[in-house]
């Protein structure tokens, strides 16, 4: 009987449940604890002028699935973005000279239809393959001329991510039971 109880306690102690960890921590101008950011771009076609791009960064772990979307808040804006690996301090450090060039992980433009010029960009469930920092470069691509009264194109960016893999978490009660059983067995052996 004792062996059956000890076996059950051991089996319960070795069981693990899974928990989803929160993998992405937004830095910089992305709202802490949130995933939606409102900002604006300099008017014009800036796809080849990286000094007029907006840059956003976040940290992700391998296996994360992220979704990035940009919604124009002014009809004439044609937004586009590129996802790059790493952080950059200066535009000369970028592996690209134009928003759609080689050296990017992903490029998004015109995936969501819109009544203005072309469409809005959307990158869905992009799988991160390595732990590290990532950069989102946002630009005005083939935009119209109406920017409203501030000569800026306003947009809303949404970044969301979820853990692609489960993280094992030991069953705390099982470990406690295993420890108590071990103490009981040690005490019993000392008496004999």
N, C-alpha and C. Protein backbone atom coordinates (compact mmCIF):
# COMPACT_ATOMS: atom_id res chain seq x y z
N UNK A 1 0.82 -1.19 0.00
CA UNK A 1 0.00 0.00 0.00
C UNK A 1 0.87 1.26 0.00
N UNK A 2 1.94 1.22 0.82
CA UNK A 2 2.82 2.37 0.91
C UNK A 2 3.47 2.67 -0.45
N UNK A 3 3.83 1.61 -1.18
CA UNK A 3 4.47 1.80 -2.48
C UNK A 3 3.51 2.49 -3.46
N UNK A 4 2.23 2.13 -3.39
CA UNK A 4 1.25 2.76 -4.28
C UNK A 4 1.10 4.24 -3.97
N UNK A 5 1.06 4.57 -2.68
CA UNK A 5 0.93 5.98 -2.28
C UNK A 5 2.17 6.75 -2.69
N UNK A 6 3.35 6.17 -2.45
CA UNK A 6 4.60 6.83 -2.82
C UNK A 6 4.67 7.03 -4.33
N UNK A 7 4.23 6.03 -5.10
CA UNK A 7 4.23 6.15 -6.56
C UNK A 7 3.30 7.27 -7.02
N UNK A 8 2.11 7.35 -6.43
CA UNK A 8 1.16 8.40 -6.80
C UNK A 8 1.71 9.78 -6.47
N UNK A 9 2.34 9.91 -5.31
CA UNK A 9 2.93 11.19 -4.92
C UNK A 9 4.04 11.57 -5.89
N UNK A 10 4.89 10.61 -6.25
CA UNK A 10 5.98 10.88 -7.20
C UNK A 10 5.43 11.27 -8.56
N UNK A 11 4.42 10.56 -9.03
CA UNK A 11 3.84 10.86 -10.33
C UNK A 11 3.23 12.26 -10.34
N UNK A 12 2.54 12.61 -9.26
CA UNK A 12 1.94 13.93 -9.16
C UNK A 12 3.02 15.00 -9.09
N UNK A 13 4.10 14.71 -8.39
CA UNK A 13 5.19 15.67 -8.24
C UNK A 13 5.92 15.93 -9.54
N UNK A 14 5.98 14.94 -10.41
CA UNK A 14 6.68 15.11 -11.68
C UNK A 14 5.80 15.72 -12.76
N UNK A 15 4.50 15.80 -12.50
CA UNK A 15 3.59 16.37 -13.49
C UNK A 15 3.89 17.85 -13.64
N UNK A 16 3.75 18.34 -14.85
CA UNK A 16 3.97 19.76 -15.09
C UNK A 16 2.78 20.31 -15.86
N UNK A 17 2.38 21.49 -15.49
CA UNK A 17 1.34 22.16 -16.25
C UNK A 17 2.02 23.15 -17.18
N UNK A 18 1.30 23.65 -18.15
CA UNK A 18 1.90 24.64 -19.04
C UNK A 18 1.27 26.00 -18.77
N UNK A 19 2.10 27.02 -18.91
CA UNK A 19 1.65 28.39 -18.72
C UNK A 19 2.16 29.21 -19.89
N UNK A 20 1.36 30.12 -20.38
CA UNK A 20 1.82 30.99 -21.45
C UNK A 20 2.52 32.18 -20.83
N UNK A 21 3.79 32.36 -21.21
CA UNK A 21 4.55 33.50 -20.73
C UNK A 21 4.24 34.70 -21.62
N UNK A 22 4.40 35.88 -21.08
CA UNK A 22 4.23 37.09 -21.87
C UNK A 22 5.56 37.42 -22.51
N UNK A 23 5.71 37.22 -23.84
CA UNK A 23 7.03 37.28 -24.44
C UNK A 23 7.50 38.65 -24.91
N UNK A 24 6.61 39.57 -25.22
CA UNK A 24 7.04 40.81 -25.83
C UNK A 24 6.90 41.96 -24.85
N UNK A 25 8.01 42.67 -24.67
CA UNK A 25 8.02 43.88 -23.85
C UNK A 25 8.28 45.04 -24.79
N UNK A 26 7.35 45.97 -24.89
CA UNK A 26 7.50 47.09 -25.80
C UNK A 26 8.35 48.18 -25.15
N UNK A 27 9.22 48.77 -25.94
CA UNK A 27 10.08 49.83 -25.45
C UNK A 27 9.88 51.09 -26.27
N UNK A 28 10.57 52.14 -25.87
CA UNK A 28 10.52 53.37 -26.65
C UNK A 28 9.17 54.02 -26.58
N UNK A 29 8.61 54.36 -27.74
CA UNK A 29 7.37 55.12 -27.81
C UNK A 29 6.11 54.28 -27.78
N UNK A 30 6.24 52.97 -27.77
CA UNK A 30 5.05 52.13 -27.69
C UNK A 30 4.56 52.16 -26.24
N UNK A 31 3.28 52.35 -26.05
CA UNK A 31 2.69 52.52 -24.72
C UNK A 31 3.00 51.32 -23.83
N UNK A 32 3.63 51.53 -22.65
CA UNK A 32 3.94 50.40 -21.76
C UNK A 32 2.68 49.67 -21.34
N UNK A 33 2.69 48.35 -21.46
CA UNK A 33 1.55 47.54 -21.07
C UNK A 33 0.45 47.52 -22.12
N UNK A 34 0.60 48.26 -23.19
CA UNK A 34 -0.41 48.29 -24.24
C UNK A 34 0.18 47.87 -25.56
N UNK A 35 -0.63 47.94 -26.59
CA UNK A 35 -0.13 47.53 -27.90
C UNK A 35 -0.59 48.44 -29.02
N UNK A 36 -1.15 49.61 -28.68
CA UNK A 36 -1.64 50.53 -29.70
C UNK A 36 -0.92 51.86 -29.56
N UNK A 37 -0.46 52.41 -30.67
CA UNK A 37 0.28 53.66 -30.67
C UNK A 37 -0.26 54.56 -31.77
N UNK A 38 -0.49 55.83 -31.46
CA UNK A 38 -0.87 56.82 -32.47
C UNK A 38 0.33 57.71 -32.73
N UNK A 39 0.62 57.99 -33.99
CA UNK A 39 1.75 58.84 -34.34
C UNK A 39 1.49 59.44 -35.71
N UNK A 40 2.46 60.19 -36.23
CA UNK A 40 2.32 60.78 -37.56
C UNK A 40 3.64 60.73 -38.31
N UNK A 41 3.53 60.78 -39.63
CA UNK A 41 4.68 60.74 -40.54
C UNK A 41 4.78 62.04 -41.30
N UNK A 42 5.98 62.39 -41.70
CA UNK A 42 6.19 63.55 -42.56
C UNK A 42 5.55 63.25 -43.91
N UNK A 43 4.86 64.24 -44.47
CA UNK A 43 4.16 64.05 -45.74
C UNK A 43 5.13 63.77 -46.87
N UNK A 44 4.65 63.05 -47.87
CA UNK A 44 5.44 62.76 -49.05
C UNK A 44 5.74 61.28 -49.18
N UNK A 45 6.40 60.92 -50.28
CA UNK A 45 6.81 59.53 -50.50
C UNK A 45 8.20 59.38 -49.90
N UNK A 46 8.27 58.71 -48.76
CA UNK A 46 9.53 58.60 -48.02
C UNK A 46 10.08 57.18 -48.00
N UNK A 47 9.65 56.34 -48.92
CA UNK A 47 10.08 54.94 -48.88
C UNK A 47 11.58 54.79 -49.09
N UNK A 48 12.22 55.77 -49.72
CA UNK A 48 13.66 55.71 -49.96
C UNK A 48 14.42 56.75 -49.14
N UNK A 49 13.76 57.38 -48.18
CA UNK A 49 14.39 58.41 -47.35
C UNK A 49 14.25 58.00 -45.89
N UNK A 50 15.17 57.19 -45.40
CA UNK A 50 15.05 56.62 -44.06
C UNK A 50 15.09 57.67 -42.95
N UNK A 51 15.55 58.86 -43.22
CA UNK A 51 15.56 59.89 -42.18
C UNK A 51 14.15 60.36 -41.84
N UNK A 52 13.17 60.06 -42.71
CA UNK A 52 11.77 60.43 -42.44
C UNK A 52 10.92 59.25 -41.99
N UNK A 53 11.53 58.11 -41.69
CA UNK A 53 10.79 56.95 -41.20
C UNK A 53 10.59 57.06 -39.70
N UNK A 54 9.56 56.40 -39.21
CA UNK A 54 9.36 56.23 -37.76
C UNK A 54 9.91 54.87 -37.38
N UNK A 55 10.60 54.80 -36.25
CA UNK A 55 11.19 53.54 -35.79
C UNK A 55 10.60 53.16 -34.45
N UNK A 56 10.22 51.90 -34.31
CA UNK A 56 9.68 51.34 -33.08
C UNK A 56 10.45 50.07 -32.77
N UNK A 57 10.65 49.78 -31.50
CA UNK A 57 11.39 48.57 -31.16
C UNK A 57 10.63 47.73 -30.14
N UNK A 58 10.93 46.45 -30.13
CA UNK A 58 10.38 45.53 -29.15
C UNK A 58 11.31 44.34 -29.02
N UNK A 59 11.17 43.62 -27.92
CA UNK A 59 11.96 42.41 -27.69
C UNK A 59 11.04 41.20 -27.86
N UNK A 60 11.55 40.15 -28.49
CA UNK A 60 10.76 38.94 -28.68
C UNK A 60 11.65 37.72 -28.49
N UNK A 61 11.02 36.61 -28.18
CA UNK A 61 11.76 35.36 -28.02
C UNK A 61 11.38 34.40 -29.14
N UNK A 62 12.28 33.47 -29.40
CA UNK A 62 12.05 32.49 -30.47
C UNK A 62 10.73 31.76 -30.23
N UNK A 63 9.94 31.62 -31.27
CA UNK A 63 8.65 30.95 -31.16
C UNK A 63 7.48 31.91 -31.00
N UNK A 64 7.75 33.18 -30.70
CA UNK A 64 6.66 34.16 -30.59
C UNK A 64 6.00 34.35 -31.95
N UNK A 65 4.71 34.57 -31.94
CA UNK A 65 3.97 34.92 -33.14
C UNK A 65 3.48 36.34 -32.97
N UNK A 66 3.89 37.23 -33.86
CA UNK A 66 3.49 38.63 -33.72
C UNK A 66 2.63 39.06 -34.89
N UNK A 67 1.78 40.04 -34.62
CA UNK A 67 0.95 40.66 -35.64
C UNK A 67 1.13 42.16 -35.54
N UNK A 68 1.40 42.79 -36.67
CA UNK A 68 1.59 44.24 -36.73
C UNK A 68 0.64 44.78 -37.79
N UNK A 69 -0.12 45.81 -37.43
CA UNK A 69 -0.99 46.45 -38.42
C UNK A 69 -0.90 47.96 -38.26
N UNK A 70 -1.09 48.65 -39.36
CA UNK A 70 -1.11 50.11 -39.34
C UNK A 70 -2.39 50.56 -40.01
N UNK A 71 -3.10 51.43 -39.32
CA UNK A 71 -4.36 51.99 -39.82
C UNK A 71 -4.14 53.47 -40.08
N UNK A 72 -4.41 53.91 -41.29
CA UNK A 72 -4.27 55.34 -41.60
C UNK A 72 -5.38 56.12 -40.92
N UNK A 73 -5.05 57.27 -40.39
CA UNK A 73 -6.05 58.15 -39.79
C UNK A 73 -6.33 59.34 -40.71
N UNK A 74 -5.59 59.43 -41.82
CA UNK A 74 -5.83 60.43 -42.85
C UNK A 74 -5.93 59.69 -44.18
N UNK A 75 -6.98 59.96 -44.96
CA UNK A 75 -7.27 59.18 -46.16
C UNK A 75 -6.15 59.12 -47.18
N UNK A 76 -5.37 60.17 -47.34
CA UNK A 76 -4.35 60.18 -48.39
C UNK A 76 -3.05 59.47 -48.01
N UNK A 77 -2.92 59.03 -46.78
CA UNK A 77 -1.70 58.31 -46.37
C UNK A 77 -1.71 56.90 -46.95
N UNK A 78 -0.59 56.48 -47.50
CA UNK A 78 -0.38 55.09 -47.92
C UNK A 78 0.77 54.55 -47.08
N UNK A 79 0.47 53.99 -45.90
CA UNK A 79 1.55 53.54 -45.02
C UNK A 79 2.13 52.20 -45.46
N UNK A 80 3.37 51.98 -45.08
CA UNK A 80 4.06 50.71 -45.30
C UNK A 80 5.05 50.55 -44.15
N UNK A 81 5.46 49.32 -43.88
CA UNK A 81 6.49 49.13 -42.85
C UNK A 81 7.34 47.92 -43.16
N UNK A 82 8.52 47.93 -42.55
CA UNK A 82 9.45 46.81 -42.65
C UNK A 82 9.79 46.35 -41.24
N UNK A 83 9.99 45.06 -41.08
CA UNK A 83 10.43 44.48 -39.81
C UNK A 83 11.88 44.07 -39.98
N UNK A 84 12.73 44.56 -39.06
CA UNK A 84 14.16 44.27 -39.12
C UNK A 84 14.61 43.65 -37.81
N UNK A 85 15.66 42.88 -37.87
CA UNK A 85 16.24 42.28 -36.68
C UNK A 85 17.29 43.21 -36.11
N UNK A 86 17.19 43.50 -34.81
CA UNK A 86 18.19 44.33 -34.14
C UNK A 86 17.71 45.74 -33.88
N UNK A 87 18.57 46.50 -33.18
CA UNK A 87 18.33 47.91 -32.90
C UNK A 87 19.36 48.73 -33.65
N UNK A 88 18.98 49.92 -34.04
CA UNK A 88 19.86 50.76 -34.83
C UNK A 88 19.89 52.16 -34.23
N UNK A 89 21.06 52.74 -34.14
CA UNK A 89 21.19 54.08 -33.57
C UNK A 89 21.20 55.15 -34.64
N UNK A 90 21.51 54.80 -35.87
CA UNK A 90 21.60 55.76 -36.95
C UNK A 90 21.13 55.10 -38.24
N UNK A 91 20.59 55.89 -39.16
CA UNK A 91 20.08 55.31 -40.40
C UNK A 91 21.19 54.71 -41.26
N UNK A 92 22.43 55.13 -41.07
CA UNK A 92 23.52 54.51 -41.84
C UNK A 92 23.79 53.09 -41.37
N UNK A 93 23.34 52.74 -40.18
CA UNK A 93 23.52 51.38 -39.66
C UNK A 93 22.48 50.41 -40.22
N UNK A 94 21.43 50.92 -40.84
CA UNK A 94 20.36 50.07 -41.35
C UNK A 94 20.88 49.16 -42.46
N UNK A 95 20.37 47.92 -42.54
CA UNK A 95 20.78 47.03 -43.63
C UNK A 95 20.05 47.33 -44.94
N UNK A 96 19.17 48.35 -44.93
CA UNK A 96 18.41 48.69 -46.13
C UNK A 96 18.50 50.19 -46.40
N UNK A 97 18.37 50.56 -47.66
CA UNK A 97 18.33 51.98 -48.01
C UNK A 97 16.94 52.40 -48.45
N UNK A 98 16.09 51.43 -48.71
CA UNK A 98 14.70 51.68 -49.05
C UNK A 98 13.84 50.69 -48.27
N UNK A 99 12.63 51.06 -47.98
CA UNK A 99 11.79 50.31 -47.05
C UNK A 99 11.53 48.87 -47.50
N UNK A 100 11.62 48.58 -48.77
CA UNK A 100 11.31 47.25 -49.29
C UNK A 100 12.56 46.51 -49.76
N UNK A 101 13.74 46.98 -49.41
CA UNK A 101 14.98 46.39 -49.91
C UNK A 101 15.37 45.10 -49.22
N UNK A 102 16.41 44.44 -49.73
CA UNK A 102 16.91 43.22 -49.09
C UNK A 102 17.50 43.55 -47.72
N UNK A 103 17.45 42.61 -46.81
CA UNK A 103 17.95 42.84 -45.46
C UNK A 103 16.84 42.95 -44.43
N UNK A 104 15.60 42.88 -44.88
CA UNK A 104 14.47 42.95 -43.94
C UNK A 104 13.95 41.55 -43.67
N UNK A 105 13.28 41.40 -42.54
CA UNK A 105 12.63 40.12 -42.22
C UNK A 105 11.28 40.02 -42.90
N UNK A 106 10.56 41.14 -42.95
CA UNK A 106 9.23 41.16 -43.56
C UNK A 106 8.91 42.57 -44.01
N UNK A 107 8.07 42.68 -45.02
CA UNK A 107 7.61 43.96 -45.55
C UNK A 107 6.10 43.88 -45.68
N UNK A 108 5.40 44.93 -45.29
CA UNK A 108 3.93 44.93 -45.39
C UNK A 108 3.47 46.23 -46.03
N UNK A 109 2.56 46.09 -47.00
CA UNK A 109 2.00 47.24 -47.70
C UNK A 109 0.77 46.76 -48.47
N UNK A 110 -0.35 47.43 -48.30
CA UNK A 110 -1.56 47.18 -49.09
C UNK A 110 -2.26 45.85 -48.81
N UNK A 111 -2.09 45.25 -47.64
CA UNK A 111 -2.78 43.99 -47.33
C UNK A 111 -4.24 44.19 -46.96
N UNK A 112 -4.60 45.36 -46.43
CA UNK A 112 -5.98 45.65 -46.01
C UNK A 112 -6.52 46.75 -46.92
N UNK A 113 -7.63 46.47 -47.62
CA UNK A 113 -8.16 47.46 -48.56
C UNK A 113 -8.69 48.69 -47.82
N UNK A 114 -8.59 49.83 -48.49
CA UNK A 114 -8.97 51.11 -47.91
C UNK A 114 -9.45 52.02 -49.03
N UNK A 115 -10.38 52.95 -48.77
CA UNK A 115 -10.87 53.81 -49.84
C UNK A 115 -9.85 54.83 -50.34
N UNK A 116 -8.78 55.08 -49.60
CA UNK A 116 -7.73 56.01 -50.03
C UNK A 116 -6.79 55.33 -51.01
N UNK A 117 -5.61 55.92 -51.22
CA UNK A 117 -4.67 55.29 -52.15
C UNK A 117 -4.18 53.95 -51.61
N UNK A 118 -4.30 52.94 -52.43
CA UNK A 118 -3.81 51.60 -52.12
C UNK A 118 -4.43 51.07 -50.83
N UNK A 119 -3.69 50.36 -49.97
CA UNK A 119 -4.26 49.78 -48.76
C UNK A 119 -3.37 49.99 -47.55
N UNK A 120 -3.80 49.45 -46.43
CA UNK A 120 -3.03 49.55 -45.19
C UNK A 120 -2.22 48.27 -44.98
N UNK A 121 -1.05 48.38 -44.35
CA UNK A 121 -0.19 47.20 -44.16
C UNK A 121 -0.62 46.33 -42.98
N UNK A 122 -0.42 45.02 -43.15
CA UNK A 122 -0.73 44.05 -42.11
C UNK A 122 0.24 42.88 -42.22
N UNK A 123 0.87 42.54 -41.12
CA UNK A 123 1.73 41.36 -41.03
C UNK A 123 1.13 40.49 -39.94
N UNK A 124 0.61 39.31 -40.32
CA UNK A 124 -0.09 38.46 -39.36
C UNK A 124 0.72 37.23 -38.99
N UNK A 125 0.76 36.95 -37.68
CA UNK A 125 1.36 35.73 -37.14
C UNK A 125 2.76 35.45 -37.69
N UNK A 126 3.60 36.47 -37.65
CA UNK A 126 4.99 36.30 -38.07
C UNK A 126 5.74 35.56 -36.97
N UNK A 127 6.40 34.46 -37.32
CA UNK A 127 7.11 33.64 -36.34
C UNK A 127 8.52 34.16 -36.12
N UNK A 128 8.81 34.53 -34.90
CA UNK A 128 10.15 34.99 -34.52
C UNK A 128 11.05 33.76 -34.40
N UNK A 129 12.22 33.80 -35.02
CA UNK A 129 13.09 32.62 -35.00
C UNK A 129 14.26 32.74 -34.03
N UNK A 130 14.51 33.93 -33.48
CA UNK A 130 15.63 34.09 -32.54
C UNK A 130 15.28 35.11 -31.48
N UNK A 131 15.78 34.91 -30.26
CA UNK A 131 15.60 35.88 -29.19
C UNK A 131 16.32 37.17 -29.57
N UNK A 132 15.71 38.31 -29.25
CA UNK A 132 16.41 39.57 -29.50
C UNK A 132 15.47 40.73 -29.72
N UNK A 133 16.10 41.86 -30.02
CA UNK A 133 15.36 43.09 -30.29
C UNK A 133 15.02 43.17 -31.77
N UNK A 134 13.87 43.74 -32.06
CA UNK A 134 13.40 43.91 -33.43
C UNK A 134 12.97 45.35 -33.63
N UNK A 135 13.10 45.82 -34.86
CA UNK A 135 12.76 47.19 -35.21
C UNK A 135 11.65 47.18 -36.25
N UNK A 136 10.67 48.05 -36.05
CA UNK A 136 9.62 48.28 -37.05
C UNK A 136 9.90 49.66 -37.64
N UNK A 137 10.11 49.73 -38.94
CA UNK A 137 10.33 51.00 -39.64
C UNK A 137 9.07 51.32 -40.43
N UNK A 138 8.44 52.45 -40.13
CA UNK A 138 7.17 52.84 -40.75
C UNK A 138 7.43 54.02 -41.68
N UNK A 139 6.82 53.99 -42.86
CA UNK A 139 7.01 55.08 -43.82
C UNK A 139 5.72 55.40 -44.57
N UNK A 140 5.74 56.55 -45.22
CA UNK A 140 4.70 56.95 -46.16
C UNK A 140 5.18 56.50 -47.53
N UNK A 141 4.39 55.68 -48.23
CA UNK A 141 4.88 55.07 -49.47
C UNK A 141 4.45 55.86 -50.71
N UNK A 142 3.26 55.65 -51.18
CA UNK A 142 2.78 56.37 -52.37
C UNK A 142 1.57 57.19 -51.98
N UNK A 143 1.75 58.08 -51.04
CA UNK A 143 0.64 58.83 -50.45
C UNK A 143 0.19 59.97 -51.35
N UNK A 144 -1.04 60.42 -51.09
CA UNK A 144 -1.58 61.58 -51.78
C UNK A 144 -1.05 62.86 -51.13
N UNK A 145 -1.70 63.97 -51.41
CA UNK A 145 -1.19 65.26 -50.92
C UNK A 145 -1.95 65.83 -49.74
N UNK A 146 -3.15 65.32 -49.44
CA UNK A 146 -3.96 65.90 -48.37
C UNK A 146 -3.52 65.36 -47.01
N UNK A 147 -2.86 66.20 -46.23
CA UNK A 147 -2.37 65.80 -44.91
C UNK A 147 -3.14 66.46 -43.79
N UNK A 148 -4.17 67.18 -44.12
CA UNK A 148 -4.89 67.91 -43.08
C UNK A 148 -4.18 69.23 -42.81
N UNK A 149 -4.38 69.79 -41.63
CA UNK A 149 -3.83 71.12 -41.34
C UNK A 149 -2.40 71.09 -40.80
N UNK A 150 -1.88 69.92 -40.43
CA UNK A 150 -0.56 69.89 -39.78
C UNK A 150 0.57 69.42 -40.69
N UNK A 151 0.29 69.17 -41.97
CA UNK A 151 1.28 68.68 -42.94
C UNK A 151 1.93 67.37 -42.49
N UNK A 152 1.20 66.58 -41.72
CA UNK A 152 1.68 65.27 -41.26
C UNK A 152 0.60 64.24 -41.53
N UNK A 153 1.02 63.02 -41.80
CA UNK A 153 0.09 61.91 -41.96
C UNK A 153 -0.04 61.17 -40.63
N UNK A 154 -1.25 61.12 -40.09
CA UNK A 154 -1.48 60.45 -38.81
C UNK A 154 -1.83 58.98 -39.05
N UNK A 155 -1.35 58.12 -38.15
CA UNK A 155 -1.63 56.69 -38.26
C UNK A 155 -1.72 56.07 -36.87
N UNK A 156 -2.28 54.87 -36.83
CA UNK A 156 -2.38 54.08 -35.59
C UNK A 156 -1.73 52.73 -35.87
N UNK A 157 -0.77 52.38 -35.03
CA UNK A 157 -0.09 51.08 -35.18
C UNK A 157 -0.50 50.18 -34.03
N UNK A 158 -0.83 48.94 -34.35
CA UNK A 158 -1.16 47.94 -33.35
C UNK A 158 -0.16 46.80 -33.47
N UNK A 159 0.47 46.48 -32.35
CA UNK A 159 1.43 45.37 -32.30
C UNK A 159 0.94 44.41 -31.24
N UNK A 160 0.75 43.17 -31.60
CA UNK A 160 0.34 42.17 -30.62
C UNK A 160 1.16 40.92 -30.84
N UNK A 161 1.36 40.19 -29.78
CA UNK A 161 2.14 38.97 -29.88
C UNK A 161 1.69 37.97 -28.85
N UNK A 162 1.91 36.72 -29.15
CA UNK A 162 1.59 35.68 -28.19
C UNK A 162 2.68 34.64 -28.22
N UNK A 163 2.84 33.98 -27.11
CA UNK A 163 3.85 32.94 -26.99
C UNK A 163 3.48 31.78 -27.88
N UNK A 164 4.39 31.35 -28.73
CA UNK A 164 4.13 30.25 -29.63
C UNK A 164 4.30 28.89 -28.98
N UNK A 165 5.07 28.83 -27.90
CA UNK A 165 5.34 27.55 -27.24
C UNK A 165 4.95 27.66 -25.77
N UNK A 166 4.50 26.55 -25.19
CA UNK A 166 4.16 26.53 -23.77
C UNK A 166 5.43 26.45 -22.94
N UNK A 167 5.38 27.09 -21.78
CA UNK A 167 6.49 27.06 -20.84
C UNK A 167 6.09 26.15 -19.69
N UNK A 168 6.84 25.07 -19.42
CA UNK A 168 6.45 24.17 -18.33
C UNK A 168 6.61 24.84 -16.97
N UNK A 169 5.67 24.53 -16.09
CA UNK A 169 5.70 25.06 -14.73
C UNK A 169 5.48 23.89 -13.79
N UNK A 170 6.42 23.62 -12.87
CA UNK A 170 6.27 22.47 -11.98
C UNK A 170 5.01 22.60 -11.12
N UNK A 171 4.40 21.48 -10.85
CA UNK A 171 3.22 21.47 -9.99
C UNK A 171 3.68 21.64 -8.54
N UNK A 172 3.44 22.79 -7.96
CA UNK A 172 3.97 23.13 -6.65
C UNK A 172 3.45 22.20 -5.55
N UNK A 173 2.18 21.85 -5.60
CA UNK A 173 1.65 20.96 -4.57
C UNK A 173 2.28 19.58 -4.65
N UNK A 174 2.54 19.11 -5.85
CA UNK A 174 3.18 17.81 -6.02
C UNK A 174 4.59 17.81 -5.45
N UNK A 175 5.31 18.89 -5.68
CA UNK A 175 6.67 18.98 -5.13
C UNK A 175 6.63 19.05 -3.61
N UNK A 176 5.67 19.77 -3.06
CA UNK A 176 5.53 19.84 -1.61
C UNK A 176 5.22 18.46 -1.05
N UNK A 177 4.31 17.74 -1.69
CA UNK A 177 3.97 16.38 -1.24
C UNK A 177 5.16 15.45 -1.34
N UNK A 178 5.93 15.55 -2.39
CA UNK A 178 7.12 14.72 -2.54
C UNK A 178 8.13 15.01 -1.43
N UNK A 179 8.31 16.27 -1.10
CA UNK A 179 9.23 16.64 -0.02
C UNK A 179 8.77 16.09 1.32
N UNK A 180 7.48 16.20 1.60
CA UNK A 180 6.95 15.67 2.86
C UNK A 180 7.09 14.16 2.92
N UNK A 181 6.84 13.48 1.81
CA UNK A 181 7.00 12.02 1.77
C UNK A 181 8.45 11.64 2.01
N UNK A 182 9.37 12.38 1.44
CA UNK A 182 10.80 12.11 1.65
C UNK A 182 11.19 12.30 3.10
N UNK A 183 10.70 13.36 3.73
CA UNK A 183 10.99 13.59 5.15
C UNK A 183 10.42 12.47 6.01
N UNK A 184 9.21 12.05 5.70
CA UNK A 184 8.57 10.99 6.46
C UNK A 184 9.36 9.69 6.33
N UNK A 185 9.81 9.37 5.10
CA UNK A 185 10.58 8.14 4.89
C UNK A 185 11.92 8.21 5.61
N UNK A 186 12.57 9.36 5.60
CA UNK A 186 13.86 9.51 6.29
C UNK A 186 13.67 9.32 7.79
N UNK A 187 12.63 9.91 8.34
CA UNK A 187 12.37 9.79 9.78
C UNK A 187 12.06 8.34 10.14
N UNK A 188 11.31 7.65 9.30
CA UNK A 188 10.94 6.26 9.56
C UNK A 188 12.17 5.36 9.54
N UNK A 189 13.11 5.59 8.63
CA UNK A 189 14.33 4.79 8.57
C UNK A 189 15.20 5.01 9.80
N UNK A 190 15.24 6.22 10.31
CA UNK A 190 16.06 6.51 11.49
C UNK A 190 15.51 5.81 12.72
N UNK A 191 14.21 5.61 12.79
CA UNK A 191 13.59 4.92 13.94
C UNK A 191 13.91 3.44 13.92
N UNK A 192 14.02 2.86 12.74
CA UNK A 192 14.22 1.41 12.64
C UNK A 192 15.62 0.95 12.94
